[in-house]
């Protein structure tokens, strides 16, 4: 089965961890590529945020409440984007570590294999759908 172009736990996989060397290399490449994309996005967003702050510092004289509110909203949006990108980058990095540890594709909650369909949608998934739902219910 393919996960964003990488074969995961398909027929012919080695009995060790359920994946052949080729499959592991494909998954590793996919995760590394995803991490690098997220890292580049994060660095660009960080640079934009810093430019926004520099402009804001030098251009705040004479601002009324609407201007200040608009700048605050822009700053909050930039900060939120940075947090989201950092979280996603960390998830990709963690998935690569799990792959190296031999635990990638297995649920952290119940240790059962995470369905391939879930990994296709979210390659950094660490839990199966059931365990994810239980965690979300407990958090509410």
N, C-alpha and C. Protein backbone atom coordinates (compact mmCIF):
# COMPACT_ATOMS: atom_id res chain seq x y z
N UNK A 1 0.86 -1.18 0.00
CA UNK A 1 0.00 0.00 0.00
C UNK A 1 0.89 1.23 0.00
N UNK A 2 0.46 2.29 -0.66
CA UNK A 2 1.25 3.51 -0.74
C UNK A 2 0.81 4.52 0.30
N UNK A 3 1.76 5.17 0.91
CA UNK A 3 1.50 6.29 1.81
C UNK A 3 2.21 7.48 1.21
N UNK A 4 1.45 8.35 0.57
CA UNK A 4 2.02 9.51 -0.12
C UNK A 4 3.22 9.12 -0.96
N UNK A 5 3.07 8.05 -1.72
CA UNK A 5 4.13 7.62 -2.61
C UNK A 5 5.08 6.60 -2.01
N UNK A 6 4.94 6.29 -0.73
CA UNK A 6 5.82 5.31 -0.09
C UNK A 6 5.04 4.05 0.24
N UNK A 7 5.66 2.90 0.06
CA UNK A 7 5.01 1.64 0.35
C UNK A 7 5.07 1.38 1.84
N UNK A 8 3.93 1.01 2.43
CA UNK A 8 3.88 0.72 3.86
C UNK A 8 3.25 -0.65 4.08
N UNK A 9 3.95 -1.50 4.78
CA UNK A 9 3.45 -2.81 5.23
C UNK A 9 2.67 -3.55 4.17
N UNK A 10 3.21 -3.66 3.00
CA UNK A 10 2.53 -4.37 1.93
C UNK A 10 2.99 -5.80 1.83
N UNK A 11 2.52 -6.52 0.82
CA UNK A 11 2.93 -7.91 0.60
C UNK A 11 4.42 -7.93 0.28
N UNK A 12 5.08 -8.96 0.71
CA UNK A 12 6.50 -9.10 0.44
C UNK A 12 7.38 -8.35 1.43
N UNK A 13 6.75 -7.73 2.42
CA UNK A 13 7.53 -7.00 3.41
C UNK A 13 8.29 -7.99 4.28
N UNK A 14 9.41 -7.58 4.78
CA UNK A 14 10.20 -8.46 5.64
C UNK A 14 9.48 -8.63 6.97
N UNK A 15 9.71 -9.75 7.64
CA UNK A 15 9.04 -9.98 8.92
C UNK A 15 9.53 -9.04 10.01
N UNK A 16 10.71 -8.46 9.83
CA UNK A 16 11.24 -7.54 10.83
C UNK A 16 10.48 -6.22 10.72
N UNK A 17 9.70 -5.91 11.73
CA UNK A 17 8.93 -4.67 11.80
C UNK A 17 7.93 -4.53 10.66
N UNK A 18 7.73 -5.57 9.86
CA UNK A 18 6.70 -5.56 8.83
C UNK A 18 7.03 -4.73 7.60
N UNK A 19 8.27 -4.30 7.45
CA UNK A 19 8.62 -3.45 6.31
C UNK A 19 9.96 -3.87 5.73
N UNK A 20 10.05 -3.83 4.41
CA UNK A 20 11.32 -4.13 3.75
C UNK A 20 12.24 -2.92 3.84
N UNK A 21 13.50 -3.13 3.52
CA UNK A 21 14.47 -2.04 3.53
C UNK A 21 14.06 -0.96 2.54
N UNK A 22 13.57 -1.38 1.36
CA UNK A 22 13.13 -0.41 0.36
C UNK A 22 11.96 0.42 0.86
N UNK A 23 11.02 -0.24 1.53
CA UNK A 23 9.87 0.46 2.08
C UNK A 23 10.30 1.47 3.14
N UNK A 24 11.21 1.04 4.01
CA UNK A 24 11.70 1.94 5.04
C UNK A 24 12.42 3.14 4.43
N UNK A 25 13.18 2.90 3.38
CA UNK A 25 13.87 4.00 2.70
C UNK A 25 12.87 4.97 2.07
N UNK A 26 11.80 4.44 1.49
CA UNK A 26 10.77 5.30 0.89
C UNK A 26 10.07 6.13 1.95
N UNK A 27 9.72 5.49 3.05
CA UNK A 27 9.04 6.21 4.13
C UNK A 27 9.97 7.27 4.71
N UNK A 28 11.23 6.89 4.93
CA UNK A 28 12.23 7.82 5.46
C UNK A 28 12.36 9.04 4.55
N UNK A 29 12.41 8.80 3.24
CA UNK A 29 12.51 9.89 2.27
C UNK A 29 11.29 10.79 2.31
N UNK A 30 10.12 10.18 2.42
CA UNK A 30 8.88 10.95 2.50
C UNK A 30 8.87 11.83 3.74
N UNK A 31 9.22 11.25 4.88
CA UNK A 31 9.22 12.01 6.13
C UNK A 31 10.28 13.10 6.12
N UNK A 32 11.45 12.80 5.59
CA UNK A 32 12.53 13.79 5.51
C UNK A 32 12.11 14.94 4.60
N UNK A 33 11.49 14.63 3.47
CA UNK A 33 11.02 15.66 2.54
C UNK A 33 9.96 16.54 3.21
N UNK A 34 9.05 15.91 3.92
CA UNK A 34 8.00 16.66 4.62
C UNK A 34 8.61 17.56 5.68
N UNK A 35 9.58 17.04 6.43
CA UNK A 35 10.24 17.84 7.45
C UNK A 35 10.93 19.05 6.82
N UNK A 36 11.64 18.83 5.73
CA UNK A 36 12.36 19.92 5.07
C UNK A 36 11.40 20.99 4.53
N UNK A 37 10.25 20.56 3.98
CA UNK A 37 9.24 21.52 3.52
C UNK A 37 8.73 22.36 4.68
N UNK A 38 8.40 21.70 5.78
CA UNK A 38 7.89 22.40 6.95
C UNK A 38 8.94 23.31 7.55
N UNK A 39 10.19 22.87 7.55
CA UNK A 39 11.27 23.68 8.08
C UNK A 39 11.43 24.95 7.25
N UNK A 40 11.37 24.82 5.93
CA UNK A 40 11.48 25.98 5.05
C UNK A 40 10.30 26.93 5.26
N UNK A 41 9.09 26.38 5.39
CA UNK A 41 7.91 27.21 5.65
C UNK A 41 8.05 27.95 6.97
N UNK A 42 8.53 27.24 7.99
CA UNK A 42 8.69 27.84 9.31
C UNK A 42 9.70 28.97 9.26
N UNK A 43 10.85 28.74 8.63
CA UNK A 43 11.88 29.77 8.55
C UNK A 43 11.37 31.00 7.79
N UNK A 44 10.61 30.79 6.71
CA UNK A 44 10.05 31.92 5.95
C UNK A 44 9.02 32.68 6.80
N UNK A 45 8.16 31.96 7.49
CA UNK A 45 7.16 32.60 8.34
C UNK A 45 7.83 33.37 9.48
N UNK A 46 8.90 32.82 10.02
CA UNK A 46 9.64 33.49 11.08
C UNK A 46 10.25 34.79 10.57
N UNK A 47 10.83 34.75 9.38
CA UNK A 47 11.41 35.96 8.78
C UNK A 47 10.33 37.01 8.51
N UNK A 48 9.18 36.59 8.02
CA UNK A 48 8.08 37.52 7.78
C UNK A 48 7.58 38.13 9.08
N UNK A 49 7.50 37.31 10.11
CA UNK A 49 7.06 37.80 11.41
C UNK A 49 8.04 38.85 11.95
N UNK A 50 9.31 38.60 11.79
CA UNK A 50 10.31 39.56 12.26
C UNK A 50 10.23 40.86 11.46
N UNK A 51 10.03 40.76 10.14
CA UNK A 51 9.87 41.97 9.32
C UNK A 51 8.64 42.75 9.76
N UNK A 52 7.54 42.03 10.05
CA UNK A 52 6.31 42.67 10.50
C UNK A 52 6.55 43.42 11.80
N UNK A 53 7.27 42.82 12.71
CA UNK A 53 7.55 43.47 13.99
C UNK A 53 8.42 44.72 13.81
N UNK A 54 9.40 44.65 12.92
CA UNK A 54 10.26 45.82 12.67
C UNK A 54 9.46 46.97 12.07
N UNK A 55 8.58 46.66 11.14
CA UNK A 55 7.73 47.69 10.55
C UNK A 55 6.80 48.26 11.61
N UNK A 56 6.26 47.39 12.43
CA UNK A 56 5.34 47.81 13.49
C UNK A 56 6.02 48.74 14.49
N UNK A 57 7.25 48.42 14.85
CA UNK A 57 7.99 49.25 15.81
C UNK A 57 8.23 50.64 15.24
N UNK A 58 8.62 50.71 13.99
CA UNK A 58 8.95 52.00 13.38
C UNK A 58 7.75 52.78 12.88
N UNK A 59 6.57 52.15 12.87
CA UNK A 59 5.42 52.79 12.25
C UNK A 59 4.22 52.83 13.18
N UNK A 60 4.43 53.07 14.46
CA UNK A 60 3.29 53.05 15.38
C UNK A 60 2.85 54.44 15.83
N UNK A 61 3.61 55.45 15.49
CA UNK A 61 3.25 56.82 15.89
C UNK A 61 1.97 57.24 15.19
N UNK A 62 1.05 57.76 15.93
CA UNK A 62 -0.19 58.26 15.37
C UNK A 62 -1.25 57.19 15.15
N UNK A 63 -1.01 55.97 15.61
CA UNK A 63 -2.01 54.91 15.44
C UNK A 63 -3.23 55.16 16.33
N UNK A 64 -4.39 54.94 15.76
CA UNK A 64 -5.60 54.99 16.59
C UNK A 64 -5.93 53.56 17.03
N UNK A 65 -7.07 53.37 17.70
CA UNK A 65 -7.42 52.05 18.21
C UNK A 65 -7.60 51.03 17.10
N UNK A 66 -8.17 51.45 15.99
CA UNK A 66 -8.38 50.52 14.88
C UNK A 66 -7.04 50.05 14.31
N UNK A 67 -6.09 50.97 14.15
CA UNK A 67 -4.76 50.60 13.65
C UNK A 67 -4.07 49.63 14.62
N UNK A 68 -4.14 49.95 15.90
CA UNK A 68 -3.52 49.08 16.90
C UNK A 68 -4.18 47.71 16.92
N UNK A 69 -5.48 47.68 16.81
CA UNK A 69 -6.21 46.40 16.79
C UNK A 69 -5.86 45.58 15.57
N UNK A 70 -5.74 46.24 14.43
CA UNK A 70 -5.37 45.56 13.19
C UNK A 70 -3.97 44.97 13.29
N UNK A 71 -3.05 45.74 13.85
CA UNK A 71 -1.68 45.26 14.00
C UNK A 71 -1.62 44.09 14.99
N UNK A 72 -2.41 44.17 16.03
CA UNK A 72 -2.45 43.08 17.01
C UNK A 72 -2.99 41.81 16.37
N UNK A 73 -4.03 41.95 15.56
CA UNK A 73 -4.60 40.78 14.87
C UNK A 73 -3.59 40.17 13.90
N UNK A 74 -2.84 41.00 13.17
CA UNK A 74 -1.81 40.49 12.27
C UNK A 74 -0.72 39.76 13.04
N UNK A 75 -0.30 40.34 14.16
CA UNK A 75 0.74 39.74 14.98
C UNK A 75 0.26 38.39 15.55
N UNK A 76 -1.00 38.35 16.01
CA UNK A 76 -1.55 37.11 16.55
C UNK A 76 -1.63 36.02 15.47
N UNK A 77 -2.04 36.41 14.26
CA UNK A 77 -2.12 35.45 13.15
C UNK A 77 -0.73 34.90 12.81
N UNK A 78 0.26 35.79 12.78
CA UNK A 78 1.63 35.37 12.47
C UNK A 78 2.15 34.42 13.55
N UNK A 79 1.87 34.72 14.80
CA UNK A 79 2.31 33.87 15.91
C UNK A 79 1.63 32.51 15.86
N UNK A 80 0.35 32.51 15.54
CA UNK A 80 -0.40 31.26 15.42
C UNK A 80 0.16 30.39 14.29
N UNK A 81 0.47 31.01 13.17
CA UNK A 81 1.05 30.29 12.05
C UNK A 81 2.40 29.68 12.44
N UNK A 82 3.22 30.46 13.13
CA UNK A 82 4.52 29.95 13.57
C UNK A 82 4.36 28.74 14.50
N UNK A 83 3.43 28.83 15.44
CA UNK A 83 3.20 27.71 16.36
C UNK A 83 2.74 26.46 15.61
N UNK A 84 1.83 26.65 14.65
CA UNK A 84 1.31 25.52 13.87
C UNK A 84 2.42 24.87 13.06
N UNK A 85 3.22 25.68 12.39
CA UNK A 85 4.32 25.13 11.59
C UNK A 85 5.35 24.43 12.46
N UNK A 86 5.65 25.00 13.61
CA UNK A 86 6.61 24.38 14.52
C UNK A 86 6.08 23.04 15.03
N UNK A 87 4.78 22.99 15.37
CA UNK A 87 4.17 21.73 15.81
C UNK A 87 4.24 20.67 14.72
N UNK A 88 3.90 21.04 13.49
CA UNK A 88 3.91 20.10 12.38
C UNK A 88 5.33 19.62 12.08
N UNK A 89 6.29 20.53 12.16
CA UNK A 89 7.69 20.17 11.94
C UNK A 89 8.16 19.19 13.02
N UNK A 90 7.78 19.45 14.26
CA UNK A 90 8.14 18.57 15.37
C UNK A 90 7.51 17.19 15.19
N UNK A 91 6.26 17.15 14.70
CA UNK A 91 5.59 15.87 14.45
C UNK A 91 6.33 15.06 13.39
N UNK A 92 6.76 15.74 12.32
CA UNK A 92 7.50 15.05 11.27
C UNK A 92 8.83 14.53 11.79
N UNK A 93 9.49 15.32 12.62
CA UNK A 93 10.76 14.91 13.21
C UNK A 93 10.56 13.70 14.13
N UNK A 94 9.50 13.73 14.90
CA UNK A 94 9.18 12.62 15.80
C UNK A 94 8.86 11.36 15.00
N UNK A 95 8.15 11.51 13.88
CA UNK A 95 7.84 10.35 13.04
C UNK A 95 9.13 9.73 12.50
N UNK A 96 10.09 10.57 12.11
CA UNK A 96 11.38 10.04 11.63
C UNK A 96 12.09 9.29 12.74
N UNK A 97 12.02 9.81 13.96
CA UNK A 97 12.65 9.13 15.09
C UNK A 97 11.98 7.79 15.36
N UNK A 98 10.66 7.76 15.27
CA UNK A 98 9.92 6.51 15.46
C UNK A 98 10.28 5.49 14.40
N UNK A 99 10.50 5.96 13.18
CA UNK A 99 10.90 5.07 12.10
C UNK A 99 12.25 4.44 12.42
N UNK A 100 13.18 5.24 12.90
CA UNK A 100 14.51 4.74 13.27
C UNK A 100 14.43 3.77 14.45
N UNK A 101 13.50 4.05 15.38
CA UNK A 101 13.33 3.19 16.56
C UNK A 101 12.56 1.90 16.25
N UNK A 102 11.95 1.85 15.06
CA UNK A 102 11.17 0.68 14.69
C UNK A 102 9.74 0.71 15.20
N UNK A 103 9.27 1.86 15.67
CA UNK A 103 7.91 1.95 16.20
C UNK A 103 6.96 2.70 15.27
N UNK A 104 7.48 3.23 14.15
CA UNK A 104 6.63 3.98 13.22
C UNK A 104 5.52 3.07 12.68
N UNK A 105 4.31 3.60 12.65
CA UNK A 105 3.17 2.85 12.12
C UNK A 105 2.44 2.04 13.17
N UNK A 106 2.96 2.05 14.41
CA UNK A 106 2.27 1.37 15.50
C UNK A 106 1.73 2.41 16.47
N UNK A 107 0.55 2.16 16.99
CA UNK A 107 -0.12 3.09 17.90
C UNK A 107 0.64 3.18 19.22
N UNK A 108 0.84 4.39 19.70
CA UNK A 108 1.49 4.59 21.00
C UNK A 108 0.57 4.17 22.14
N UNK A 109 -0.73 4.13 21.90
CA UNK A 109 -1.67 3.78 22.96
C UNK A 109 -1.83 2.28 23.14
N UNK A 110 -2.09 1.57 22.04
CA UNK A 110 -2.40 0.15 22.14
C UNK A 110 -1.37 -0.74 21.45
N UNK A 111 -0.40 -0.16 20.79
CA UNK A 111 0.68 -0.86 20.08
C UNK A 111 0.22 -1.61 18.84
N UNK A 112 -1.04 -1.51 18.49
CA UNK A 112 -1.53 -2.13 17.26
C UNK A 112 -1.09 -1.29 16.06
N UNK A 113 -1.02 -1.91 14.88
CA UNK A 113 -0.66 -1.13 13.69
C UNK A 113 -1.70 -0.04 13.41
N UNK A 114 -1.21 1.13 13.04
CA UNK A 114 -2.10 2.23 12.64
C UNK A 114 -2.55 1.91 11.23
N UNK A 115 -3.85 2.00 10.95
CA UNK A 115 -4.34 1.69 9.61
C UNK A 115 -3.61 2.51 8.54
N UNK A 116 -3.30 1.85 7.44
CA UNK A 116 -2.58 2.49 6.34
C UNK A 116 -3.34 3.72 5.86
N UNK A 117 -4.66 3.64 5.85
CA UNK A 117 -5.46 4.78 5.39
C UNK A 117 -5.21 6.02 6.25
N UNK A 118 -5.03 5.82 7.53
CA UNK A 118 -4.74 6.94 8.43
C UNK A 118 -3.35 7.50 8.14
N UNK A 119 -2.38 6.63 7.93
CA UNK A 119 -1.02 7.07 7.62
C UNK A 119 -0.94 7.77 6.26
N UNK A 120 -1.81 7.36 5.32
CA UNK A 120 -1.84 8.03 4.02
C UNK A 120 -2.26 9.49 4.18
N UNK A 121 -3.22 9.73 5.05
CA UNK A 121 -3.73 11.08 5.28
C UNK A 121 -2.81 11.87 6.19
N UNK A 122 -2.27 11.20 7.21
CA UNK A 122 -1.46 11.87 8.23
C UNK A 122 -0.24 11.01 8.54
N UNK A 123 0.84 11.14 7.74
CA UNK A 123 2.01 10.29 7.93
C UNK A 123 2.66 10.40 9.30
N UNK A 124 2.40 11.46 10.04
CA UNK A 124 2.99 11.64 11.36
C UNK A 124 2.10 11.10 12.47
N UNK A 125 1.04 10.38 12.12
CA UNK A 125 0.12 9.86 13.13
C UNK A 125 0.86 8.93 14.09
N UNK A 126 0.54 9.07 15.37
CA UNK A 126 1.17 8.22 16.39
C UNK A 126 0.15 7.33 17.09
N UNK A 127 -1.12 7.53 16.78
CA UNK A 127 -2.17 6.72 17.41
C UNK A 127 -3.17 6.24 16.36
N UNK A 128 -3.81 5.13 16.67
CA UNK A 128 -4.90 4.66 15.82
C UNK A 128 -6.12 5.55 16.10
N UNK A 129 -7.14 5.41 15.29
CA UNK A 129 -8.32 6.25 15.43
C UNK A 129 -8.99 6.05 16.79
N UNK A 130 -9.10 4.80 17.24
CA UNK A 130 -9.75 4.53 18.53
C UNK A 130 -9.02 5.21 19.68
N UNK A 131 -7.71 5.07 19.74
CA UNK A 131 -6.94 5.69 20.83
C UNK A 131 -7.00 7.21 20.74
N UNK A 132 -6.99 7.74 19.54
CA UNK A 132 -7.09 9.20 19.35
C UNK A 132 -8.43 9.69 19.89
N UNK A 133 -9.50 8.97 19.59
CA UNK A 133 -10.82 9.36 20.08
C UNK A 133 -10.88 9.31 21.60
N UNK A 134 -10.30 8.30 22.20
CA UNK A 134 -10.28 8.19 23.66
C UNK A 134 -9.54 9.36 24.26
N UNK A 135 -8.38 9.72 23.70
CA UNK A 135 -7.61 10.86 24.19
C UNK A 135 -8.40 12.16 24.08
N UNK A 136 -9.09 12.33 22.96
CA UNK A 136 -9.86 13.56 22.76
C UNK A 136 -11.02 13.65 23.74
N UNK A 137 -11.67 12.50 24.01
CA UNK A 137 -12.77 12.49 24.98
C UNK A 137 -12.27 12.84 26.38
N UNK A 138 -11.11 12.32 26.74
CA UNK A 138 -10.54 12.60 28.06
C UNK A 138 -10.14 14.06 28.18
N UNK A 139 -9.70 14.65 27.08
CA UNK A 139 -9.26 16.05 27.10
C UNK A 139 -10.42 17.02 27.20
N UNK A 140 -11.63 16.58 26.82
CA UNK A 140 -12.77 17.52 26.85
C UNK A 140 -13.38 17.63 28.22
